Amino acid sequence: MSGPVVARTRAELAAARAALGRDGRAVALVPTMGALHEGHRALIRHAGAVAGDVVVSVFVNPLQFAPGEDLDRYPRTFDADLEMCSAEGVSLVFAPDVAQMYPIEPAVRVCAGDLATRFEGASRPGHFDGVLTVVAKLLGLVRPDVAVFGEKDAQQLALVRRLVTDLELGVRIDAVPVVRDADGLALSSRNRYLTADERRAALVLPRTLAEAARAAAGGAAPDVVRRTARAALAAADGVELDYVDLVGEAMFAPVGQTWPDDEPARAIAAVRIGRTRLIDTIALTSPATGAATGVG
């Protein structure tokens, strides 16, 4: 089997895209920043299951990095990324440089709104404006029928869904549950930055969220679950807590005194270990709903 077409320019993308979606085949887009891992493979496989042609974008988007963040340090492994795409039957890889993606300085950008000021948005001001701007551009350039995102970036997923709904973009957004390594750590391109000792320290993150899920399922009140999780992460050696909270999945508002019965809920957390910042999330089940309130 031949590998995917690689498009590095807008013209190459347009020519390659014109050959996709024939005979009524749906086209799915998996937007990535490269450094692909098994979590990305799960996204690509889902895309292949719901569409006849899969497009993977590989672009490290400077608009979503603040000064002092790891833009220059972010891993770039295009040859390995292409091998994974080929193995998974991807039709097209769009790998533009910054000049192709932003041929002129964008005078108009997407404003992510109030939802983007919480949690990740509070820690990384402007981050989600950059994310939604590049997602909007990718959707316009690729014109997919469906776009696939991971639930690990739960706040990003919520914002992308609102982008598509609020701006009537006509694209279906599919989500894939968090993929974890054997030790429980959520897969992330940034995990490769961790030393062996830092990785061991990082395991407190998935353990704490799993315990939060067990407590919620066992009938603990939201404030108890929140307080216990916060104490566990704050006391962990080698871990600097950014935030941990329980939120409604759609608008990321903190859960109040009782579990919501009108929207799924999640535990979310972000920590810094050494120079590496990690995020994680888990769906919560509560007696109020009698079922899992999310899937991750």
Protein backbone atom coordinates (compact mmCIF):
# COMPACT_ATOMS: atom_id res chain seq x y z
CA MET A 1 0.00 0.00 0.00
CA SER A 2 1.32 3.41 -0.95
CA GLY A 3 1.71 6.06 1.71
CA PRO A 4 -0.36 9.21 2.10
CA VAL A 5 -0.02 12.21 -0.17
CA VAL A 6 1.98 14.91 1.63
CA ALA A 7 0.84 18.47 0.98
CA ARG A 8 3.07 21.27 2.25
CA THR A 9 1.46 24.17 0.45
CA ARG A 10 -2.10 25.41 0.09
CA ALA A 11 -2.01 24.61 -3.63
CA GLU A 12 -0.85 21.05 -2.98
CA LEU A 13 -3.57 20.66 -0.35
CA ALA A 14 -6.27 21.91 -2.72
CA ALA A 15 -5.15 19.52 -5.47
CA ALA A 16 -4.97 16.53 -3.13
CA ARG A 17 -8.28 17.39 -1.41
CA ALA A 18 -10.03 17.47 -4.78
CA ALA A 19 -9.25 13.77 -5.21
CA LEU A 20 -10.86 12.81 -1.88
CA GLY A 21 -14.47 12.18 -1.00
CA ARG A 22 -15.41 10.53 -4.25
CA ASP A 23 -18.40 8.18 -4.54
CA GLY A 24 -19.93 9.75 -1.46
CA ARG A 25 -16.99 8.91 0.81
CA ALA A 26 -16.86 11.12 3.90
CA VAL A 27 -13.64 12.98 4.69
CA ALA A 28 -12.37 13.16 8.26
CA LEU A 29 -9.74 15.55 9.62
CA VAL A 30 -7.46 14.82 12.57
CA PRO A 31 -5.72 18.09 13.53
CA THR A 32 -2.39 17.54 15.31
CA MET A 33 0.85 19.33 16.16
CA GLY A 34 2.82 16.22 15.26
CA ALA A 35 4.98 14.12 17.60
CA LEU A 36 2.31 11.48 17.11
CA HIS A 37 1.81 8.77 19.74
CA GLU A 38 -0.72 6.01 20.43
CA GLY A 39 -3.30 8.57 21.48
CA HIS A 40 -3.11 10.11 18.02
CA ARG A 41 -3.30 6.63 16.52
CA ALA A 42 -6.63 6.17 18.31
CA LEU A 43 -7.88 9.43 16.76
CA ILE A 44 -6.74 8.35 13.30
CA ARG A 45 -8.35 4.93 13.67
CA HIS A 46 -11.63 6.49 14.75
CA ALA A 47 -11.46 8.81 11.76
CA GLY A 48 -10.90 5.83 9.48
CA ALA A 49 -13.88 4.04 10.99
CA VAL A 50 -16.28 6.91 10.31
CA ALA A 51 -14.93 8.23 6.99
CA GLY A 52 -13.61 6.90 3.72
CA ASP A 53 -10.69 9.32 3.55
CA VAL A 54 -8.61 10.61 6.48
CA VAL A 55 -6.60 13.82 6.47
CA VAL A 56 -4.06 14.43 9.24
CA SER A 57 -2.69 17.92 9.70
CA VAL A 58 0.75 18.38 11.29
CA PHE A 59 1.36 21.97 12.32
CA VAL A 60 2.89 23.45 15.47
CA ASN A 61 0.72 26.53 15.79
CA PRO A 62 2.61 29.56 17.14
CA LEU A 63 -0.61 31.45 17.93
CA GLN A 64 -1.40 29.14 20.84
CA PHE A 65 1.99 29.52 22.56
CA ALA A 66 2.65 32.44 24.88
CA PRO A 67 6.12 33.99 25.23
CA GLY A 68 8.26 31.71 27.37
CA GLU A 69 6.24 28.58 26.56
CA ASP A 70 7.77 25.59 24.78
CA LEU A 71 7.17 26.49 21.11
CA ASP A 72 10.81 26.01 20.10
CA ARG A 73 11.16 23.00 22.37
CA TYR A 74 7.99 21.28 21.17
CA PRO A 75 9.00 17.92 19.62
CA ARG A 76 8.99 17.64 15.85
CA THR A 77 9.18 14.06 14.52
CA PHE A 78 7.75 14.29 11.02
CA ASP A 79 9.33 11.14 9.58
CA ALA A 80 7.93 9.01 12.41
CA ASP A 81 4.59 10.81 12.14
CA LEU A 82 4.43 9.98 8.44
CA GLU A 83 5.18 6.32 9.17
CA MET A 84 2.23 6.14 11.57
CA CYS A 85 -0.06 7.83 9.07
CA SER A 86 1.03 5.41 6.37
CA ALA A 87 0.49 2.40 8.62
CA GLU A 88 -3.03 3.61 9.45
CA GLY A 89 -4.06 4.20 5.85
CA VAL A 90 -4.24 8.00 6.00
CA SER A 91 -5.03 9.49 2.60
CA LEU A 92 -3.45 12.93 3.00
CA VAL A 93 -1.03 14.63 5.40
CA PHE A 94 -1.12 18.42 5.41
CA ALA A 95 2.15 19.71 6.86
CA PRO A 96 2.41 23.45 6.19
CA ASP A 97 5.02 25.81 7.57
CA VAL A 98 4.07 29.04 9.33
CA ALA A 99 4.28 31.06 6.10
CA GLN A 100 1.76 28.75 4.41
CA MET A 101 -0.61 28.72 7.34
CA TYR A 102 -0.35 32.46 7.98
CA PRO A 103 0.73 34.08 4.70
CA ILE A 104 -0.11 37.44 6.25
CA GLU A 105 -0.45 38.41 9.88
CA PRO A 106 -4.09 37.61 10.68
CA ALA A 107 -6.00 40.82 11.33
CA VAL A 108 -9.06 38.81 12.37
CA ARG A 109 -8.77 36.01 14.92
CA VAL A 110 -11.31 33.89 16.76
CA CYS A 111 -12.15 35.12 20.25
CA ALA A 112 -12.82 32.09 22.41
CA GLY A 113 -14.97 34.01 24.89
CA ASP A 114 -15.65 33.52 28.58
CA LEU A 115 -15.28 29.74 28.52
CA ALA A 116 -11.64 30.26 27.55
CA THR A 117 -10.83 32.36 30.63
CA ARG A 118 -11.11 29.41 33.02
CA PHE A 119 -8.60 26.71 33.95
CA GLU A 120 -6.29 26.27 30.95
CA GLY A 121 -7.31 29.72 29.73
CA ALA A 122 -6.46 31.31 33.07
CA SER A 123 -3.07 29.60 33.10
CA ARG A 124 -2.38 30.32 29.43
CA PRO A 125 -4.06 33.62 28.44
CA GLY A 126 -4.80 33.80 24.72
CA HIS A 127 -4.09 30.10 24.22
CA PHE A 128 -7.58 29.15 23.13
CA ASP A 129 -7.92 32.14 20.80
CA GLY A 130 -4.91 30.71 18.97
CA VAL A 131 -6.31 27.18 19.04
CA LEU A 132 -9.70 28.16 17.65
CA THR A 133 -8.15 30.40 15.00
CA VAL A 134 -6.04 27.59 13.60
CA VAL A 135 -8.88 25.06 13.88
CA ALA A 136 -11.15 27.41 11.93
CA LYS A 137 -8.47 27.82 9.27
CA LEU A 138 -7.92 24.05 9.01
CA LEU A 139 -11.63 23.39 8.71
CA GLY A 140 -11.83 25.97 5.94
CA LEU A 141 -8.81 24.64 4.09
CA VAL A 142 -9.58 20.91 4.37
CA ARG A 143 -13.40 21.10 4.33
CA PRO A 144 -13.94 17.82 6.19
CA ASP A 145 -17.27 16.21 6.98
CA VAL A 146 -16.05 15.27 10.45
CA ALA A 147 -13.13 16.37 12.63
CA VAL A 148 -11.77 14.19 15.43
CA PHE A 149 -10.36 15.42 18.75
CA GLY A 150 -9.22 13.77 21.96
CA GLU A 151 -11.07 14.06 25.26
CA LYS A 152 -7.81 14.58 27.17
CA ASP A 153 -7.89 18.20 26.03
CA ALA A 154 -11.44 18.45 27.35
CA GLN A 155 -11.66 22.23 27.53
CA GLN A 156 -10.31 22.53 23.99
CA LEU A 157 -12.90 19.99 22.85
CA ALA A 158 -15.72 21.97 24.47
CA LEU A 159 -14.52 25.15 22.77
CA VAL A 160 -14.18 23.52 19.36
CA ARG A 161 -17.73 22.25 19.65
CA ARG A 162 -18.94 25.75 20.49
CA LEU A 163 -16.91 27.18 17.59
CA VAL A 164 -18.63 24.85 15.16
CA THR A 165 -22.08 25.41 16.66
CA ASP A 166 -21.88 29.17 17.17
CA LEU A 167 -20.36 29.90 13.74
CA GLU A 168 -22.53 27.32 11.87
CA LEU A 169 -19.51 25.61 10.35
CA GLY A 170 -21.37 22.44 9.40
CA VAL A 171 -18.71 19.98 10.58
CA ARG A 172 -19.39 17.06 12.90
CA ILE A 173 -17.02 16.91 15.87
CA ASP A 174 -16.19 13.44 17.20
CA ALA A 175 -14.35 12.81 20.46
CA VAL A 176 -12.12 9.88 21.40
CA PRO A 177 -11.58 8.88 25.06
CA VAL A 178 -8.28 9.46 26.85
CA VAL A 179 -5.61 6.91 25.94
CA ARG A 180 -3.30 5.93 28.79
CA ASP A 181 0.04 4.21 29.08
CA ALA A 182 0.33 0.97 31.04
CA ASP A 183 1.17 2.92 34.21
CA GLY A 184 -1.95 5.07 33.85
CA LEU A 185 -0.33 8.29 32.64
CA ALA A 186 -2.36 9.94 29.88
CA LEU A 187 -0.45 9.87 26.61
CA SER A 188 0.97 13.26 25.62
CA SER A 189 3.70 14.51 23.33
CA ARG A 190 5.14 16.29 26.37
CA ASN A 191 5.62 13.05 28.35
CA ARG A 192 8.95 12.58 26.58
CA TYR A 193 10.31 15.57 28.52
CA LEU A 194 9.92 13.72 31.85
CA THR A 195 12.88 12.06 33.52
CA ALA A 196 12.32 8.64 35.09
CA ASP A 197 11.89 10.23 38.54
CA GLU A 198 9.55 12.88 37.18
CA ARG A 199 7.42 10.27 35.46
CA ARG A 200 7.05 8.37 38.71
CA ALA A 201 6.01 11.60 40.42
CA ALA A 202 3.52 12.31 37.62
CA LEU A 203 1.57 9.13 38.34
CA VAL A 204 -0.11 10.90 41.25
CA LEU A 205 -2.15 12.78 38.61
CA PRO A 206 -4.07 9.83 37.10
CA ARG A 207 -4.28 8.13 40.52
CA THR A 208 -5.87 11.21 42.06
CA LEU A 209 -8.40 11.59 39.26
CA ALA A 210 -9.27 7.89 39.40
CA GLU A 211 -9.86 8.21 43.13
CA ALA A 212 -12.08 11.24 42.49
CA ALA A 213 -14.15 9.16 40.08
CA ARG A 214 -14.47 6.35 42.62
CA ALA A 215 -15.51 8.80 45.34
CA ALA A 216 -18.13 10.42 43.10
CA ALA A 217 -19.53 7.03 42.12
CA GLY A 218 -19.65 6.10 45.80
CA GLY A 219 -21.85 9.04 46.64
CA ALA A 220 -19.37 11.62 47.92
CA ALA A 221 -20.51 15.22 47.55
CA PRO A 222 -18.76 17.40 44.96
CA ASP A 223 -17.04 19.57 47.59
CA VAL A 224 -15.61 16.48 49.31
CA VAL A 225 -14.30 15.05 46.04
CA ARG A 226 -12.82 18.41 45.03
CA ARG A 227 -11.18 19.05 48.40
CA THR A 228 -9.69 15.55 48.61
CA ALA A 229 -8.24 15.71 45.10
CA ARG A 230 -6.77 19.14 45.70
CA ALA A 231 -5.12 18.03 48.95
CA ALA A 232 -3.63 14.93 47.31
CA LEU A 233 -2.04 16.85 44.44
CA ALA A 234 -0.91 19.77 46.61
CA ALA A 235 0.90 17.39 48.97
CA ALA A 236 2.59 15.28 46.28
CA ASP A 237 6.38 15.40 46.15
CA GLY A 238 7.83 16.94 43.00
CA VAL A 239 4.45 18.21 41.83
CA GLU A 240 3.41 21.85 41.52
CA LEU A 241 -0.38 22.07 41.38
CA ASP A 242 -1.90 24.48 38.87
CA TYR A 243 -5.55 23.54 39.29
CA VAL A 244 -7.90 20.65 40.01
CA ASP A 245 -11.67 20.94 39.86
CA LEU A 246 -14.96 19.31 38.92
CA VAL A 247 -16.75 20.89 35.97
CA GLY A 248 -19.71 20.51 33.69
CA GLU A 249 -18.51 19.17 30.37
CA ALA A 250 -20.25 21.64 28.06
CA MET A 251 -19.33 25.03 29.54
CA PHE A 252 -16.63 24.12 32.09
CA ALA A 253 -18.44 25.81 34.97
CA PRO A 254 -17.42 24.34 38.36
CA VAL A 255 -19.88 21.82 39.79
CA GLY A 256 -21.76 23.28 42.76
CA GLN A 257 -23.02 21.66 45.94
CA THR A 258 -24.82 18.85 44.11
CA TRP A 259 -24.01 16.79 41.04
CA PRO A 260 -25.61 18.13 37.86
CA ASP A 261 -28.35 16.07 36.25
CA ASP A 262 -28.46 18.12 33.04
CA GLU A 263 -24.91 17.77 31.71
CA PRO A 264 -21.97 15.38 32.05
CA ALA A 265 -19.28 16.22 34.60
CA ARG A 266 -15.52 15.75 34.67
CA ALA A 267 -12.63 16.01 37.05
CA ILE A 268 -9.86 18.06 35.45
CA ALA A 269 -6.36 18.88 36.64
CA ALA A 270 -3.09 20.47 35.55
CA VAL A 271 0.28 20.15 37.26
CA ARG A 272 3.86 21.09 36.58
CA ILE A 273 6.60 18.52 37.14
CA GLY A 274 10.05 19.92 36.59
CA ARG A 275 9.82 21.92 33.36
CA THR A 276 6.86 19.92 32.05
CA ARG A 277 3.20 20.87 32.39
CA LEU A 278 0.70 18.01 32.23
CA ILE A 279 -3.09 17.98 32.07
CA ASP A 280 -5.52 15.12 32.63
CA THR A 281 -9.23 14.49 32.98
CA ILE A 282 -11.65 11.74 33.88
CA ALA A 283 -15.38 11.33 33.42
CA LEU A 284 -17.44 11.16 36.59
CA THR A 285 -20.28 8.88 37.56
CA SER A 286 -22.59 10.03 40.33
CA PRO A 287 -25.60 8.48 42.04
CA ALA A 288 -27.59 11.50 40.82
CA THR A 289 -27.30 10.32 37.24
CA GLY A 290 -26.82 6.61 37.78
CA ALA A 291 -24.45 6.49 34.82
CA ALA A 292 -21.11 7.80 33.69
CA THR A 293 -21.45 11.50 33.02
CA GLY A 294 -18.63 11.55 30.47
CA VAL A 295 -16.35 9.15 28.66
CA GLY A 296 -12.66 9.69 29.39
